[in-house]
Every structure is written in C-alpha cells, then in structure tokens.
Amino acid sequence: MTTQAILDDIYATILSRKGGDPEASHTARLFHRGRAKIAQKVGEEAVETVIEAMAGTPEKLASESADLLYHLLVLWADAGVAPADVYAILAARQGTSGIEEKKSRKPA
C-alpha cells in the first residue's frame, strides 16, 4: 500500500468518526471537543516529535511522527481540507526552490 493510500484510508476512517460517540472513539472525542482542542493536540504532538528528533531514538521519532500525522489528519477533516488538497499543493511546489517558493507567497 502506498503512503498516499495509507493516509487516504486513515482520513476516510477519521471522517467516518465525525459525529460519532465520544465515549467510544478517541477521534469522535476530538471532534466533539472542537477545532481549538484538535489544533492544541497537533501542537502537542509536534512538540513531542521535535523532542524525539533531538533526544530520542529513530523508533520513538517514527512513533511521535505517526501521532502527529494522525492529529493533523483530524484537523484537516474538521476544517474541510482533504489530503488531495495538500497533495496538489505539494505537487505544484515540486521542482521549486523552497526559498523561491516562500518569496512568491503573498503577504498575509
């Protein structure tokens, strides 16, 4: 199974938990708590990923990275962003210098 297919399958499962019983599903509980809580979890998992990158083992870094990706997928689902939306942006950026790509962004 490709990485894209794995992420797409997880995303589909996450979407299926939206509106589910928060007592029966961690994902449903996140949706029930709202976007701010989901975003907070993404931040927590990002920090844990950085900590493992600096002081942990590759296995711990991989585990924290999986947690980060899962919570990011939950955030995307809550915000109406599909993985394909992100894939398209990444594909459009391929072959472009990161420095040049950042310069081309419009100021917020």
Protein backbone atom coordinates (compact mmCIF):
# COMPACT_ATOMS: atom_id res chain seq x y z
CA MET A 1 0.00 0.00 0.00
CA THR A 2 1.38 3.43 -0.90
CA THR A 3 1.88 6.19 1.63
CA GLN A 4 -0.84 8.20 -0.09
CA ALA A 5 -3.28 5.29 0.12
CA ILE A 6 -2.49 4.79 3.80
CA LEU A 7 -3.11 8.47 4.59
CA ASP A 8 -6.27 8.48 2.46
CA ASP A 9 -7.58 5.38 4.28
CA ILE A 10 -6.86 6.87 7.69
CA TYR A 11 -8.53 10.12 6.61
CA ALA A 12 -11.63 8.20 5.48
CA THR A 13 -11.78 6.43 8.84
CA ILE A 14 -11.41 9.76 10.62
CA LEU A 15 -14.29 11.23 8.59
CA SER A 16 -16.43 8.22 9.50
CA ARG A 17 -15.94 9.04 13.19
CA LYS A 18 -17.24 12.60 12.83
CA GLY A 19 -20.45 12.84 14.83
CA GLY A 20 -19.72 9.51 16.49
CA ASP A 21 -19.90 8.63 20.16
CA PRO A 22 -17.13 10.46 22.05
CA GLU A 23 -17.24 7.72 24.69
CA ALA A 24 -16.48 5.03 22.10
CA SER A 25 -13.95 6.76 19.83
CA HIS A 26 -10.92 8.95 20.52
CA THR A 27 -11.40 10.59 17.12
CA ALA A 28 -15.07 11.33 17.84
CA ARG A 29 -13.99 12.78 21.20
CA LEU A 30 -11.57 15.13 19.43
CA PHE A 31 -14.29 16.30 17.04
CA HIS A 32 -16.66 16.74 19.99
CA ARG A 33 -14.13 18.95 21.79
CA GLY A 34 -13.79 21.23 18.76
CA ARG A 35 -11.17 22.63 16.45
CA ALA A 36 -9.24 24.51 19.13
CA LYS A 37 -8.65 21.26 21.05
CA ILE A 38 -7.71 19.44 17.86
CA ALA A 39 -5.23 22.19 16.97
CA GLN A 40 -3.84 22.05 20.50
CA LYS A 41 -3.27 18.29 20.09
CA VAL A 42 -1.45 18.92 16.79
CA GLY A 43 0.81 21.37 18.62
CA GLU A 44 1.45 18.95 21.47
CA GLU A 45 2.31 16.15 19.07
CA ALA A 46 4.58 18.49 17.07
CA VAL A 47 6.50 19.36 20.25
CA GLU A 48 6.79 15.68 21.19
CA THR A 49 8.06 14.94 17.68
CA VAL A 50 10.71 17.64 17.97
CA ILE A 51 11.78 16.33 21.39
CA GLU A 52 12.22 12.82 19.98
CA ALA A 53 14.11 14.23 16.99
CA MET A 54 16.58 15.87 19.34
CA ALA A 55 16.94 13.29 22.10
CA GLY A 56 15.12 10.11 21.20
CA THR A 57 15.61 7.07 19.06
CA PRO A 58 14.52 6.73 15.43
CA GLU A 59 11.75 4.39 16.61
CA LYS A 60 10.38 6.96 19.07
CA LEU A 61 10.63 9.67 16.42
CA ALA A 62 8.67 7.48 13.99
CA SER A 63 6.00 6.83 16.64
CA GLU A 64 5.61 10.51 17.50
CA SER A 65 5.54 11.36 13.79
CA ALA A 66 2.66 8.91 13.31
CA ASP A 67 0.79 10.59 16.18
CA LEU A 68 1.44 14.00 14.61
CA LEU A 69 0.18 12.88 11.19
CA TYR A 70 -2.96 11.35 12.71
CA HIS A 71 -3.84 14.53 14.62
CA LEU A 72 -3.06 16.65 11.55
CA LEU A 73 -5.47 14.49 9.52
CA VAL A 74 -8.14 15.03 12.20
CA LEU A 75 -7.56 18.79 11.97
CA TRP A 76 -7.83 18.68 8.18
CA ALA A 77 -11.08 16.69 8.42
CA ASP A 78 -12.52 19.20 10.88
CA ALA A 79 -11.53 22.12 8.64
CA GLY A 80 -12.74 20.53 5.39
CA VAL A 81 -9.25 20.03 3.94
CA ALA A 82 -8.79 16.75 2.09
CA PRO A 83 -5.39 15.09 1.76
CA ALA A 84 -5.72 15.56 -2.03
CA ASP A 85 -5.79 19.34 -1.44
CA VAL A 86 -2.43 19.11 0.32
CA TYR A 87 -1.01 16.68 -2.25
CA ALA A 88 -1.89 19.13 -5.03
CA ILE A 89 -0.07 21.97 -3.29
CA LEU A 90 2.98 19.80 -2.69
CA ALA A 91 2.95 18.63 -6.32
CA ALA A 92 2.76 22.22 -7.55
CA ARG A 93 5.78 23.10 -5.42
CA GLN A 94 7.90 20.23 -6.72
CA GLY A 95 10.98 21.44 -8.54
CA THR A 96 10.73 24.89 -6.99
CA SER A 97 13.37 26.11 -4.59
CA GLY A 98 11.95 26.49 -1.09
CA ILE A 99 13.46 29.96 -0.93
CA GLU A 100 11.82 30.98 -4.21
CA GLU A 101 8.51 29.41 -3.23
CA LYS A 102 8.44 31.41 0.03
CA LYS A 103 9.25 34.63 -1.84
CA SER A 104 6.32 34.01 -4.20
CA ARG A 105 3.74 33.83 -1.41
CA LYS A 106 1.50 36.83 -0.99
CA PRO A 107 1.83 38.58 2.38
CA ALA A 108 -0.99 37.72 4.79
